[in-house]
Amino acid sequence: MRNIFIGGLFLLLAAGGQSCKDMLDIESTRAVTEENMWATKNDAWAGSFACYGLLRAALCNENAYWAHGDLRAGQFTVTQRGDLQAVRDNRLTANFATMDTWRDWRKFYATIAQCNLAIAKLPGIPAQDDRYSSTEMELDLAQVRFIRAFTYFYMVRIWGDVPLITTVGNGDFTAHPRTDQNEVLNFAFNEARDAILKLPWQFDGTNPEQPGNYRGQGISHWRGILATKGAGFTLQAHIRAWQKDYEGALEALKIVRTNSGKTAYGRVSVTDLTSNGGTFRGRRNENIFQLDMNFDHAEISTTGQIENWVLRYPEVSKKEADLYVSKDSILNIFPNASDTRINTFFSDLGAMQPMFYKIKMLNNAVKNPTLRFFNSAISVFRYEEFLLLQAECMLRTGISTERSAC
């Protein structure tokens, strides 16, 4: 009996092993293989929009967008966190885990890698799926080129010389030498130029580059969150200004101002700027380009936005904010006591640590007493900042602001 049992067990294991082998030999119906990924219209949509998602992930990672930018300006006071104090003091080699994250460009190169792949694969899809027209393909391709151009511009601002990679890798993660930042910026400028040729002024269905609804949605859905001609020219202006070519920057800005009837860009009131559904919630005419955080798409978060650092009780459960703007700084920034921005941008002014209240996109849909979810967008280019860039370039070139209505 013992021998019969052992023999039966071996037969059972052998049969199971063959079944497992047969099962593993069958292609999964739930996953798309790499060679079959770029074959349909849906693949094109997923592959091109992944570039937006990866860029947003890179900028949200440990609040990188704010650590790389506003925090270094020195206007915020840090309460306790040593890593934030190190960034504020520009001690960028300090030994903190978050500092390692902010110094790491891998997430940005993940964005570049996806852009390179999409640029290589998108042109071949219309021949495989007649639902995906060449016009749609060129529009998606232009958006990807814009994302690649912006990502390289952003990286140069943070790291200076960076590796310039424009082709699809083979998976071996070969180290690349750094490229001179001016070469990278010129590449980004030309990449933005190529994108502009195929981008619409707005995604409202009236432009030859984008007829009808885009992916089933109208302008109210896409306003500010997709690359447009205006975003492309604005990016070119920033690139030229970074290169100290202020006349070149003004040329790009002038094109946007000349086409104001097509862009619909406008200024915003202080109330709209700070309201819970205002500028930093996004999808508004004052936002030239933003990366969205939409509750309906499950994109809200407890981290990745400035609110995570500057809000405290009673807005969130934290007793003390990580950052605040001191009273002396507030008075230096706004010397006129009657300036309406003081009481709009800041709360609890009588406290030792006034709360920075300018951006406070709080979402109450998720009922959790210990967490508050934020859905403020990352506002990359705003119209007011566009006008400030124009004024700075005019000052640098000696052009009187009286010659141009700002």
Protein backbone atom coordinates (compact mmCIF):
# COMPACT_ATOMS: atom_id res chain seq x y z
CA MET A 1 0.00 0.00 0.00
CA ARG A 2 2.87 2.33 0.83
CA ASN A 3 4.42 1.77 -2.60
CA ILE A 4 1.06 2.30 -4.31
CA PHE A 5 0.55 5.60 -2.44
CA ILE A 6 4.02 6.87 -3.37
CA GLY A 7 3.55 5.86 -6.99
CA GLY A 8 0.18 7.63 -7.14
CA LEU A 9 1.69 10.73 -5.58
CA PHE A 10 4.43 10.84 -8.24
CA LEU A 11 1.79 10.49 -10.98
CA LEU A 12 -0.27 13.31 -9.43
CA LEU A 13 2.76 15.60 -9.17
CA ALA A 14 3.81 14.81 -12.72
CA ALA A 15 0.32 15.59 -14.02
CA GLY A 16 0.21 18.81 -11.98
CA GLY A 17 3.62 19.83 -13.25
CA GLN A 18 2.53 19.30 -16.85
CA SER A 19 -0.68 21.29 -16.18
CA CYS A 20 1.33 24.16 -14.72
CA LYS A 21 3.68 24.10 -17.69
CA ASP A 22 0.76 24.15 -20.11
CA MET A 23 -0.84 27.03 -18.18
CA LEU A 24 2.36 29.05 -18.22
CA ASP A 25 2.68 28.53 -21.96
CA ILE A 26 -0.66 30.27 -22.56
CA GLU A 27 -0.44 34.04 -23.18
CA SER A 28 -2.22 36.08 -20.55
CA THR A 29 -5.48 37.70 -21.65
CA ARG A 30 -5.13 40.32 -18.90
CA ALA A 31 -1.76 41.80 -19.84
CA VAL A 32 -0.59 43.26 -23.14
CA THR A 33 2.83 42.08 -24.23
CA GLU A 34 5.37 44.73 -25.16
CA GLU A 35 5.38 43.81 -28.84
CA ASN A 36 1.57 44.02 -28.99
CA MET A 37 1.13 47.15 -26.88
CA TRP A 38 1.33 49.81 -29.59
CA ALA A 39 -1.28 48.46 -32.00
CA THR A 40 -4.62 50.15 -31.30
CA LYS A 41 -6.19 53.52 -30.64
CA ASN A 42 -6.60 52.62 -26.98
CA ASP A 43 -2.89 51.78 -26.80
CA ALA A 44 -2.06 55.19 -28.24
CA TRP A 45 -4.27 56.94 -25.70
CA ALA A 46 -2.83 54.97 -22.78
CA GLY A 47 0.76 55.31 -23.95
CA SER A 48 0.63 59.05 -24.60
CA PHE A 49 -1.29 59.95 -21.44
CA ALA A 50 1.19 57.88 -19.42
CA CYS A 51 3.70 60.67 -20.13
CA TYR A 52 1.50 63.15 -18.27
CA GLY A 53 1.07 60.69 -15.41
CA LEU A 54 4.77 59.97 -15.04
CA LEU A 55 5.63 63.68 -15.06
CA ARG A 56 3.05 64.32 -12.37
CA ALA A 57 4.43 61.43 -10.31
CA ALA A 58 7.95 62.87 -10.57
CA LEU A 59 6.83 66.33 -9.46
CA CYS A 60 4.61 65.03 -6.65
CA ASN A 61 7.19 62.63 -5.22
CA GLU A 62 7.89 63.94 -1.68
CA ASN A 63 6.56 67.34 -2.80
CA ALA A 64 9.49 67.62 -5.24
CA TYR A 65 7.89 70.46 -7.22
CA TRP A 66 7.78 72.64 -4.10
CA ALA A 67 11.15 71.46 -2.73
CA HIS A 68 12.84 72.28 -6.05
CA GLY A 69 11.08 75.62 -6.31
CA ASP A 70 9.29 77.81 -3.75
CA LEU A 71 10.92 76.31 -0.66
CA ARG A 72 14.37 77.39 -1.85
CA ALA A 73 13.25 81.02 -2.22
CA GLY A 74 13.69 81.54 1.52
CA GLN A 75 10.30 83.12 2.29
CA PHE A 76 9.01 80.19 4.34
CA THR A 77 10.08 79.56 7.93
CA VAL A 78 10.58 75.90 8.92
CA THR A 79 9.20 74.75 12.26
CA GLN A 80 10.98 71.47 13.02
CA ARG A 81 11.93 69.41 9.96
CA GLY A 82 15.67 69.38 9.33
CA ASP A 83 15.31 68.30 5.69
CA LEU A 84 13.11 71.28 4.85
CA GLN A 85 15.51 73.61 6.66
CA ALA A 86 18.41 72.20 4.64
CA VAL A 87 16.60 72.91 1.38
CA ARG A 88 15.65 76.40 2.52
CA ASP A 89 19.30 77.06 3.40
CA ASN A 90 20.43 75.53 0.07
CA ARG A 91 22.46 72.87 1.89
CA LEU A 92 21.63 70.47 -0.90
CA THR A 93 24.11 67.74 0.07
CA ALA A 94 22.62 67.28 3.54
CA ASN A 95 22.04 63.68 4.65
CA PHE A 96 18.29 63.09 4.75
CA ALA A 97 16.20 60.40 3.04
CA THR A 98 13.96 63.02 1.46
CA MET A 99 17.01 64.90 0.21
CA ASP A 100 18.11 61.71 -1.53
CA THR A 101 14.72 61.66 -3.22
CA TRP A 102 14.90 65.31 -4.30
CA ARG A 103 18.41 64.80 -5.68
CA ASP A 104 17.35 61.73 -7.67
CA TRP A 105 16.32 62.29 -11.30
CA ARG A 106 15.22 58.73 -12.05
CA LYS A 107 11.50 59.51 -12.03
CA PHE A 108 12.11 62.29 -14.53
CA TYR A 109 14.05 59.93 -16.76
CA ALA A 110 11.16 57.46 -16.48
CA THR A 111 9.06 60.25 -18.02
CA ILE A 112 11.68 60.77 -20.73
CA ALA A 113 11.81 57.03 -21.44
CA GLN A 114 8.03 56.86 -21.87
CA CYS A 115 8.10 59.92 -24.14
CA ASN A 116 10.86 58.40 -26.26
CA LEU A 117 8.90 55.17 -26.57
CA ALA A 118 5.65 56.94 -27.48
CA ILE A 119 7.40 59.11 -30.07
CA ALA A 120 8.85 55.97 -31.66
CA LYS A 121 5.63 53.92 -31.59
CA LEU A 122 2.73 56.34 -32.19
CA PRO A 123 3.38 56.92 -35.92
CA GLY A 124 2.92 53.22 -36.67
CA ILE A 125 -0.52 52.82 -35.06
CA PRO A 126 -2.83 54.39 -37.73
CA ALA A 127 -1.78 51.69 -40.20
CA GLN A 128 -2.82 49.01 -37.67
CA ASP A 129 -6.07 50.59 -36.43
CA ASP A 130 -8.14 52.63 -38.88
CA ARG A 131 -10.09 54.12 -35.94
CA TYR A 132 -6.94 56.09 -35.09
CA SER A 133 -6.50 58.80 -37.69
CA SER A 134 -3.23 60.44 -38.63
CA THR A 135 -4.60 63.73 -37.28
CA GLU A 136 -5.21 62.16 -33.87
CA MET A 137 -1.79 60.57 -33.94
CA GLU A 138 -0.06 63.86 -34.75
CA LEU A 139 -1.94 65.58 -31.92
CA ASP A 140 -0.95 62.91 -29.39
CA LEU A 141 2.61 62.96 -30.68
CA ALA A 142 2.77 66.74 -30.26
CA GLN A 143 1.64 66.47 -26.64
CA VAL A 144 4.32 63.89 -25.93
CA ARG A 145 6.95 66.14 -27.52
CA PHE A 146 5.80 69.00 -25.29
CA ILE A 147 6.11 66.81 -22.18
CA ARG A 148 9.62 65.73 -23.22
CA ALA A 149 10.63 69.34 -23.87
CA PHE A 150 9.26 70.55 -20.54
CA THR A 151 10.86 67.68 -18.60
CA TYR A 152 14.30 68.47 -20.01
CA PHE A 153 13.82 72.18 -19.29
CA TYR A 154 12.81 71.36 -15.72
CA MET A 155 15.78 69.06 -15.18
CA VAL A 156 18.25 71.64 -16.49
CA ARG A 157 16.86 74.16 -14.00
CA ILE A 158 17.53 71.72 -11.15
CA TRP A 159 20.70 69.86 -12.21
CA GLY A 160 22.31 71.96 -14.95
CA ASP A 161 24.06 69.58 -17.37
CA VAL A 162 22.00 66.39 -17.73
CA PRO A 163 22.18 63.37 -20.04
CA LEU A 164 20.25 64.02 -23.25
CA ILE A 165 18.53 60.76 -24.23
CA THR A 166 16.20 60.83 -27.23
CA THR A 167 15.98 57.19 -28.33
CA VAL A 168 14.30 54.11 -26.92
CA GLY A 169 16.56 52.15 -24.61
CA ASN A 170 17.11 48.41 -24.83
CA GLY A 171 16.67 47.78 -21.12
CA ASP A 172 20.34 47.61 -20.16
CA PHE A 173 20.32 50.94 -18.25
CA THR A 174 23.57 52.07 -19.80
CA ALA A 175 25.10 55.10 -18.12
CA HIS A 176 25.03 58.23 -20.26
CA PRO A 177 27.37 61.20 -19.91
CA ARG A 178 25.95 64.61 -19.11
CA THR A 179 25.22 66.96 -22.00
CA ASP A 180 25.94 70.68 -21.84
CA GLN A 181 22.81 72.39 -20.55
CA ASN A 182 22.64 74.84 -23.47
CA GLU A 183 22.51 71.93 -25.89
CA VAL A 184 19.73 70.37 -23.82
CA LEU A 185 17.81 73.66 -23.70
CA ASN A 186 18.16 74.16 -27.45
CA PHE A 187 16.85 70.64 -27.95
CA ALA A 188 13.89 71.41 -25.68
CA PHE A 189 13.20 74.68 -27.52
CA ASN A 190 13.18 72.92 -30.90
CA GLU A 191 11.09 70.09 -29.49
CA ALA A 192 8.52 72.64 -28.28
CA ARG A 193 8.59 74.25 -31.74
CA ASP A 194 7.76 70.92 -33.40
CA ALA A 195 4.98 70.31 -30.87
CA ILE A 196 3.45 73.76 -31.44
CA LEU A 197 2.94 73.01 -35.14
CA LYS A 198 0.44 70.24 -34.33
CA LEU A 199 -1.13 71.57 -31.12
CA PRO A 200 -4.41 73.54 -30.99
CA TRP A 201 -4.85 76.84 -29.17
CA GLN A 202 -7.64 75.19 -27.19
CA PHE A 203 -9.17 71.72 -27.12
CA ASP A 204 -12.55 73.14 -28.12
CA GLY A 205 -12.94 71.29 -31.42
CA THR A 206 -12.63 74.39 -33.61
CA ASN A 207 -8.94 74.04 -34.52
CA PRO A 208 -7.80 72.02 -37.56
CA GLU A 209 -5.31 70.22 -35.31
CA GLN A 210 -8.17 69.00 -33.09
CA PRO A 211 -11.61 68.79 -34.77
CA GLY A 212 -14.60 67.74 -32.64
CA ASN A 213 -14.44 66.47 -29.08
CA TYR A 214 -11.10 65.10 -27.98
CA ARG A 215 -11.44 61.64 -26.49
CA GLY A 216 -15.14 62.25 -25.99
CA GLN A 217 -14.74 65.39 -23.87
CA GLY A 218 -15.16 69.13 -24.54
CA ILE A 219 -13.12 72.18 -23.58
CA SER A 220 -14.40 72.39 -20.00
CA HIS A 221 -12.80 69.02 -19.30
CA TRP A 222 -9.45 69.70 -20.98
CA ARG A 223 -8.87 73.39 -20.26
CA GLY A 224 -5.37 73.91 -18.87
CA ILE A 225 -4.50 70.25 -18.40
CA LEU A 226 -3.27 69.43 -21.91
CA ALA A 227 -0.45 70.92 -23.94
CA THR A 228 -1.55 73.69 -26.31
CA LYS A 229 0.13 76.18 -28.62
CA GLY A 230 0.00 78.74 -25.82
CA ALA A 231 1.73 76.33 -23.43
CA GLY A 232 4.34 75.58 -26.09
CA PHE A 233 5.17 79.24 -26.73
CA THR A 234 5.25 79.92 -22.98
CA LEU A 235 7.71 77.05 -22.54
CA GLN A 236 9.87 78.49 -25.33
CA ALA A 237 9.83 81.89 -23.61
CA HIS A 238 10.99 80.35 -20.32
CA ILE A 239 13.75 78.45 -22.08
CA ARG A 240 15.05 81.58 -23.82
CA ALA A 241 14.84 83.59 -20.59
CA TRP A 242 16.82 80.87 -18.79
CA GLN A 243 19.43 81.24 -21.54
CA LYS A 244 19.39 85.03 -20.98
CA ASP A 245 18.01 85.52 -24.50
CA TYR A 246 15.34 87.97 -23.35
CA GLU A 247 14.55 89.23 -26.85
CA GLY A 248 13.91 85.64 -27.94
CA ALA A 249 11.65 85.16 -24.92
CA LEU A 250 9.69 88.30 -25.81
CA GLU A 251 9.17 87.03 -29.36
CA ALA A 252 7.49 83.88 -28.03
CA LEU A 253 5.42 85.83 -25.51
CA LYS A 254 4.30 88.27 -28.18
CA ILE A 255 2.82 85.45 -30.26
CA VAL A 256 0.66 84.39 -27.33
CA ARG A 257 -0.47 87.97 -26.62
CA THR A 258 -1.26 88.52 -30.32
CA ASN A 259 -3.50 85.46 -30.28
CA SER A 260 -5.35 86.36 -27.07
CA GLY A 261 -8.68 85.79 -28.78
CA LYS A 262 -7.72 82.17 -29.42
CA THR A 263 -6.14 81.41 -26.05
CA ALA A 264 -8.90 82.83 -23.79
CA TYR A 265 -6.24 83.42 -21.11
CA GLY A 266 -7.24 85.98 -18.51
CA ARG A 267 -6.39 87.47 -15.17
CA VAL A 268 -7.97 86.29 -11.95
CA SER A 269 -9.32 88.05 -8.89
CA VAL A 270 -7.84 87.45 -5.45
CA THR A 271 -11.03 85.67 -4.43
CA ASP A 272 -10.96 83.31 -7.40
CA LEU A 273 -7.26 82.73 -6.90
CA THR A 274 -7.73 81.34 -3.40
CA SER A 275 -11.23 79.85 -3.46
CA ASN A 276 -11.65 76.10 -3.10
CA GLY A 277 -12.70 75.85 -6.73
CA GLY A 278 -10.36 78.53 -8.01
CA THR A 279 -7.04 78.80 -9.78
CA PHE A 280 -5.23 76.05 -7.91
CA ARG A 281 -8.11 73.66 -8.36
CA GLY A 282 -7.47 74.28 -12.02
CA ARG A 283 -9.10 73.95 -15.43
CA ARG A 284 -9.54 77.70 -15.64
CA ASN A 285 -8.60 80.36 -18.19
CA GLU A 286 -5.79 81.78 -16.04
CA ASN A 287 -3.97 78.42 -16.11
CA ILE A 288 -1.88 77.96 -19.22
CA PHE A 289 -0.68 74.50 -18.21
CA GLN A 290 -1.24 72.44 -15.09
CA LEU A 291 -0.99 68.84 -13.90
CA ASP A 292 -4.38 67.91 -12.55
CA MET A 293 -5.45 66.25 -9.29
CA ASN A 294 -9.03 65.20 -9.96
CA PHE A 295 -11.14 63.53 -7.27
CA ASP A 296 -13.42 62.00 -9.91
CA HIS A 297 -10.38 60.19 -11.32
CA ALA A 298 -9.14 59.07 -7.87
CA GLU A 299 -6.19 61.46 -8.11
CA ILE A 300 -6.51 63.21 -4.74
CA SER A 301 -3.77 62.61 -2.21
CA THR A 302 -2.57 63.33 1.31
CA THR A 303 0.90 64.19 -0.01
CA GLY A 304 2.46 65.76 -3.09
CA GLN A 305 0.93 69.19 -2.60
CA ILE A 306 1.95 72.28 -0.67
CA GLU A 307 -1.04 71.92 1.66
CA ASN A 308 0.66 68.93 3.25
CA TRP A 309 3.38 71.28 4.56
CA VAL A 310 1.60 74.56 5.31
CA LEU A 311 -1.81 73.67 6.75
CA ARG A 312 -2.49 72.85 10.40
CA TYR A 313 -5.39 72.60 12.81
CA PRO A 314 -8.31 73.24 12.30
CA GLU A 315 -7.88 72.60 8.56
CA VAL A 316 -5.97 69.35 9.11
CA SER A 317 -5.23 67.23 12.16
CA LYS A 318 -1.62 68.50 12.54
CA LYS A 319 -1.10 70.80 15.52
CA GLU A 320 1.78 72.57 13.83
CA ALA A 321 2.49 73.20 10.16
CA ASP A 322 5.88 72.27 8.75
CA LEU A 323 6.18 75.70 7.11
CA TYR A 324 4.77 79.14 7.72
CA VAL A 325 5.47 82.72 6.63
CA SER A 326 6.53 84.93 9.50
CA LYS A 327 4.72 88.18 10.29
CA ASP A 328 7.83 90.21 9.40
CA SER A 329 8.02 88.53 6.01
CA ILE A 330 4.32 89.14 5.38
CA LEU A 331 4.75 92.85 6.12
CA ASN A 332 7.81 93.03 3.87
CA ILE A 333 5.98 91.33 1.02
CA PHE A 334 2.80 93.37 1.50
CA PRO A 335 3.80 96.71 3.08
CA ASN A 336 0.34 98.20 2.52
CA ALA A 337 -1.78 97.10 5.47
CA SER A 338 -4.98 97.46 3.43
CA ASP A 339 -3.78 94.98 0.79
CA THR A 340 -6.60 92.45 0.50
CA ARG A 341 -4.13 89.67 -0.22
CA ILE A 342 -2.87 89.68 3.37
CA ASN A 343 -6.07 88.32 4.89
CA THR A 344 -6.73 86.12 1.87
CA PHE A 345 -3.32 84.48 1.57
CA PHE A 346 -2.84 84.01 5.31
CA SER A 347 -4.96 82.87 8.22
CA ASP A 348 -4.67 83.35 11.99
CA LEU A 349 -2.44 86.41 11.64
CA GLY A 350 -2.55 87.00 15.38
CA ALA A 351 -0.76 83.72 16.08
CA MET A 352 3.00 83.27 16.35
CA GLN A 353 2.87 81.14 13.21
CA PRO A 354 0.32 82.48 10.69
CA MET A 355 -1.00 79.80 8.39
CA PHE A 356 -0.23 80.07 4.67
CA TYR A 357 -3.71 79.91 3.22
CA LYS A 358 -3.25 80.80 -0.43
CA ILE A 359 -3.48 77.20 -1.64
CA LYS A 360 -5.97 75.09 0.30
CA MET A 361 -7.80 72.77 -2.05
CA LEU A 362 -9.39 70.55 0.60
CA ASN A 363 -11.60 67.64 -0.39
CA ASN A 364 -14.34 66.60 2.03
CA ALA A 365 -15.69 63.69 -0.01
CA VAL A 366 -13.60 61.14 1.91
CA LYS A 367 -14.80 61.06 5.51
CA ASN A 368 -11.76 60.28 7.63
CA PRO A 369 -11.16 62.22 10.86
CA THR A 370 -7.40 61.67 10.76
CA LEU A 371 -6.77 62.49 7.08
CA ARG A 372 -7.52 65.40 4.80
CA PHE A 373 -7.21 64.89 1.08
CA PHE A 374 -5.95 67.59 -1.26
CA ASN A 375 -6.80 68.09 -4.91
CA SER A 376 -4.85 71.20 -5.84
CA ALA A 377 -3.28 71.02 -9.27
CA ILE A 378 0.39 71.63 -9.92
CA SER A 379 0.14 74.96 -11.72
CA VAL A 380 3.13 74.98 -14.07
CA PHE A 381 2.31 78.08 -16.17
CA ARG A 382 -0.19 80.74 -15.09
CA TYR A 383 -1.20 83.82 -17.08
CA GLU A 384 -0.19 86.24 -14.30
CA GLU A 385 3.27 84.67 -14.22
CA PHE A 386 3.34 84.93 -18.01
CA LEU A 387 2.86 88.71 -17.65
CA LEU A 388 5.55 88.91 -14.98
CA LEU A 389 7.97 87.07 -17.26
CA GLN A 390 7.15 89.54 -20.02
CA ALA A 391 7.79 92.49 -17.70
CA GLU A 392 11.13 91.04 -16.57
CA CYS A 393 12.26 90.44 -20.16
CA MET A 394 11.28 93.99 -21.11
CA LEU A 395 13.26 95.33 -18.17
CA ARG A 396 16.29 93.24 -19.13
CA THR A 397 16.19 94.52 -22.72
CA GLY A 398 15.55 98.15 -21.74
CA ILE A 399 12.07 98.25 -23.29
CA SER A 400 9.68 100.55 -21.45
CA THR A 401 6.62 98.76 -20.11
CA GLU A 402 4.61 101.74 -21.33
CA ARG A 403 5.09 100.45 -24.87
CA SER A 404 3.20 97.27 -24.11
CA ALA A 405 -0.07 96.87 -22.26
CA CYS A 406 0.59 94.34 -19.52
